[in-house]
C-alpha atoms as a PDB file:
ATOM      1  CA  MET A   1     -47.611-125.474  77.116  1.00  0.00           C
ATOM      2  CA  SER A   2     -47.172-122.941  74.179  1.00  0.00           C
ATOM      3  CA  GLU A   3     -44.005-122.877  74.459  1.00  0.00           C
ATOM      4  CA  GLU A   4     -43.859-126.800  74.317  1.00  0.00           C
ATOM      5  CA  TYR A   5     -45.508-126.165  70.769  1.00  0.00           C
ATOM      6  CA  ARG A   6     -43.552-123.833  69.380  1.00  0.00           C
ATOM      7  CA  ASP A   7     -40.393-125.233  70.120  1.00  0.00           C
ATOM      8  CA  LYS A   8     -41.786-129.217  68.457  1.00  0.00           C
ATOM      9  CA  VAL A   9     -43.177-126.990  65.812  1.00  0.00           C
ATOM     10  CA  ILE A  10     -39.051-125.470  64.378  1.00  0.00           C
ATOM     11  CA  ASP A  11     -37.965-128.573  65.811  1.00  0.00           C
ATOM     12  CA  ALA A  12     -39.853-130.365  63.269  1.00  0.00           C
ATOM     13  CA  VAL A  13     -39.432-128.261  60.077  1.00  0.00           C
ATOM     14  CA  ILE A  14     -36.058-127.239  60.134  1.00  0.00           C
ATOM     15  CA  ASP A  15     -35.157-130.907  60.816  1.00  0.00           C
ATOM     16  CA  THR A  16     -37.532-132.229  57.869  1.00  0.00           C
ATOM     17  CA  LEU A  17     -35.732-129.284  55.766  1.00  0.00           C
ATOM     18  CA  ARG A  18     -32.129-130.902  56.784  1.00  0.00           C
ATOM     19  CA  SER A  19     -32.960-134.511  56.098  1.00  0.00           C
ATOM     20  CA  ILE A  20     -34.692-133.301  52.384  1.00  0.00           C
ATOM     21  CA  LEU A  21     -31.911-130.946  51.554  1.00  0.00           C
ATOM     22  CA  GLY A  22     -29.247-131.504  53.756  1.00  0.00           C
ATOM     23  CA  GLU A  23     -27.634-129.341  56.359  1.00  0.00           C
ATOM     24  CA  VAL A  24     -25.331-127.467  53.913  1.00  0.00           C
ATOM     25  CA  THR A  25     -28.865-126.060  52.067  1.00  0.00           C
ATOM     26  CA  VAL A  26     -30.228-125.485  55.695  1.00  0.00           C
ATOM     27  CA  GLN A  27     -27.629-123.743  56.424  1.00  0.00           C
ATOM     28  CA  ALA A  28     -27.788-121.032  53.092  1.00  0.00           C
ATOM     29  CA  LEU A  29     -31.200-121.291  53.296  1.00  0.00           C
ATOM     30  CA  GLU A  30     -31.151-119.428  56.707  1.00  0.00           C
ATOM     31  CA  VAL A  31     -28.594-117.191  55.614  1.00  0.00           C
ATOM     32  CA  PHE A  32     -30.898-116.248  52.645  1.00  0.00           C
ATOM     33  CA  MET A  33     -33.675-115.216  54.854  1.00  0.00           C
ATOM     34  CA  LYS A  34     -31.652-113.491  57.511  1.00  0.00           C
ATOM     35  CA  MET A  35     -31.723-111.314  55.002  1.00  0.00           C
ATOM     36  CA  ASN A  36     -34.817-111.419  54.116  1.00  0.00           C
ATOM     37  CA  GLY A  37     -35.942-110.234  57.233  1.00  0.00           C
ATOM     38  CA  THR A  38     -36.331-113.301  58.707  1.00  0.00           C
ATOM     39  CA  SER A  39     -35.602-116.952  60.206  1.00  0.00           C
ATOM     40  CA  LEU A  40     -36.530-120.859  60.167  1.00  0.00           C
ATOM     41  CA  TYR A  41     -37.090-120.432  64.373  1.00  0.00           C
ATOM     42  CA  SER A  42     -39.803-118.029  63.029  1.00  0.00           C
ATOM     43  CA  ILE A  43     -41.787-120.203  61.538  1.00  0.00           C
ATOM     44  CA  TYR A  44     -43.730-120.127  64.124  1.00  0.00           C
ATOM     45  CA  ASP A  45     -44.785-116.845  64.485  1.00  0.00           C
ATOM     46  CA  GLU A  46     -45.026-116.075  60.697  1.00  0.00           C
ATOM     47  CA  PRO A  47     -45.171-119.591  59.007  1.00  0.00           C
ATOM     48  CA  ASP A  48     -46.837-117.807  55.918  1.00  0.00           C
ATOM     49  CA  ARG A  49     -43.682-115.161  55.236  1.00  0.00           C
ATOM     50  CA  VAL A  50     -41.450-118.478  55.196  1.00  0.00           C
ATOM     51  CA  THR A  51     -43.525-120.679  53.689  1.00  0.00           C
ATOM     52  CA  ASN A  52     -44.236-118.344  51.076  1.00  0.00           C
ATOM     53  CA  LEU A  53     -39.953-117.697  50.284  1.00  0.00           C
ATOM     54  CA  LEU A  54     -39.155-121.572  50.448  1.00  0.00           C
ATOM     55  CA  TYR A  55     -42.055-121.366  47.456  1.00  0.00           C
ATOM     56  CA  VAL A  56     -39.354-118.583  46.427  1.00  0.00           C
ATOM     57  CA  LEU A  57     -36.670-120.254  46.405  1.00  0.00           C
ATOM     58  CA  PHE A  58     -37.550-124.027  45.200  1.00  0.00           C
ATOM     59  CA  LYS A  59     -39.953-123.022  43.313  1.00  0.00           C
ATOM     60  CA  SER A  60     -41.966-127.146  42.194  1.00  0.00           C
ATOM     61  CA  SER A  61     -40.228-128.791  44.729  1.00  0.00           C
ATOM     62  CA  ALA A  62     -41.687-126.035  47.776  1.00  0.00           C
ATOM     63  CA  ARG A  63     -44.971-128.059  48.160  1.00  0.00           C
ATOM     64  CA  PHE A  64     -43.499-131.522  48.023  1.00  0.00           C
ATOM     65  CA  LEU A  65     -41.761-129.756  50.983  1.00  0.00           C
ATOM     66  CA  GLU A  66     -44.265-128.339  52.320  1.00  0.00           C
ATOM     67  CA  ASP A  67     -45.826-131.903  52.747  1.00  0.00           C
ATOM     68  CA  GLU A  68     -43.021-133.304  54.247  1.00  0.00           C
ATOM     69  CA  ILE A  69     -43.288-130.703  56.778  1.00  0.00           C
ATOM     70  CA  VAL A  70     -46.686-130.657  57.684  1.00  0.00           C
ATOM     71  CA  LYS A  71     -46.522-134.942  57.844  1.00  0.00           C
ATOM     72  CA  GLU A  72     -43.553-134.647  60.568  1.00  0.00           C
ATOM     73  CA  VAL A  73     -45.456-131.547  62.765  1.00  0.00           C
ATOM     74  CA  CYS A  74     -48.270-133.627  62.793  1.00  0.00           C
ATOM     75  CA  LEU A  75     -46.673-136.713  63.717  1.00  0.00           C
ATOM     76  CA  ARG A  76     -44.187-134.860  66.816  1.00  0.00           C
ATOM     77  CA  LEU A  77     -47.371-133.244  68.051  1.00  0.00           C
ATOM     78  CA  GLY A  78     -50.025-135.893  67.852  1.00  0.00           C
ATOM     79  CA  HIS A  79     -52.334-135.171  65.100  1.00  0.00           C
ATOM     80  CA  GLU A  80     -53.787-136.766  62.328  1.00  0.00           C
ATOM     81  CA  TYR A  81     -51.973-135.561  59.050  1.00  0.00           C
ATOM     82  CA  ASN A  82     -54.028-134.351  56.497  1.00  0.00           C
ATOM     83  CA  CYS A  83     -53.074-133.259  52.748  1.00  0.00           C
ATOM     84  CA  LYS A  84     -55.233-130.851  52.228  1.00  0.00           C
ATOM     85  CA  VAL A  85     -54.127-128.647  55.683  1.00  0.00           C
ATOM     86  CA  SER A  86     -50.966-126.750  55.469  1.00  0.00           C
ATOM     87  CA  LEU A  87     -48.305-125.311  57.456  1.00  0.00           C
ATOM     88  CA  ASN A  88     -49.672-122.069  58.567  1.00  0.00           C
ATOM     89  CA  ASP A  89     -53.249-123.702  58.810  1.00  0.00           C
ATOM     90  CA  ILE A  90     -51.669-126.216  62.038  1.00  0.00           C
ATOM     91  CA  ILE A  91     -50.143-123.676  63.469  1.00  0.00           C
ATOM     92  CA  ASN A  92     -52.946-121.240  63.617  1.00  0.00           C
ATOM     93  CA  SER A  93     -54.870-124.282  65.370  1.00  0.00           C
ATOM     94  CA  ILE A  94     -52.567-124.356  68.320  1.00  0.00           C
ATOM     95  CA  LYS A  95     -52.149-120.727  68.392  1.00  0.00           C
ATOM     96  CA  TYR A  96     -55.946-120.605  68.645  1.00  0.00           C
ATOM     97  CA  LYS A  97     -56.520-123.710  70.952  1.00  0.00           C
ATOM     98  CA  GLN A  98     -54.118-122.369  73.072  1.00  0.00           C
END
């Protein structure tokens, strides 16, 4: 079950970033993250680290990006969206429920 949630979270994050930023920007983001020892695919295991890199790169737009990602993750997991919840909060709640 956790593998299913993990895949849904990762897909939601990457699909949301692609729809907002475009494929080329997401590819560049992935290269930058690899240079910093992480990956978009590690969002489930290291949500704080990945989110912090988004804030470093996108500064004022990062909160918007995170909010859009949270909306999509909630939609795909069947959770009710709450604008006060971070991506890290959602991932941790999934991990602790299992």
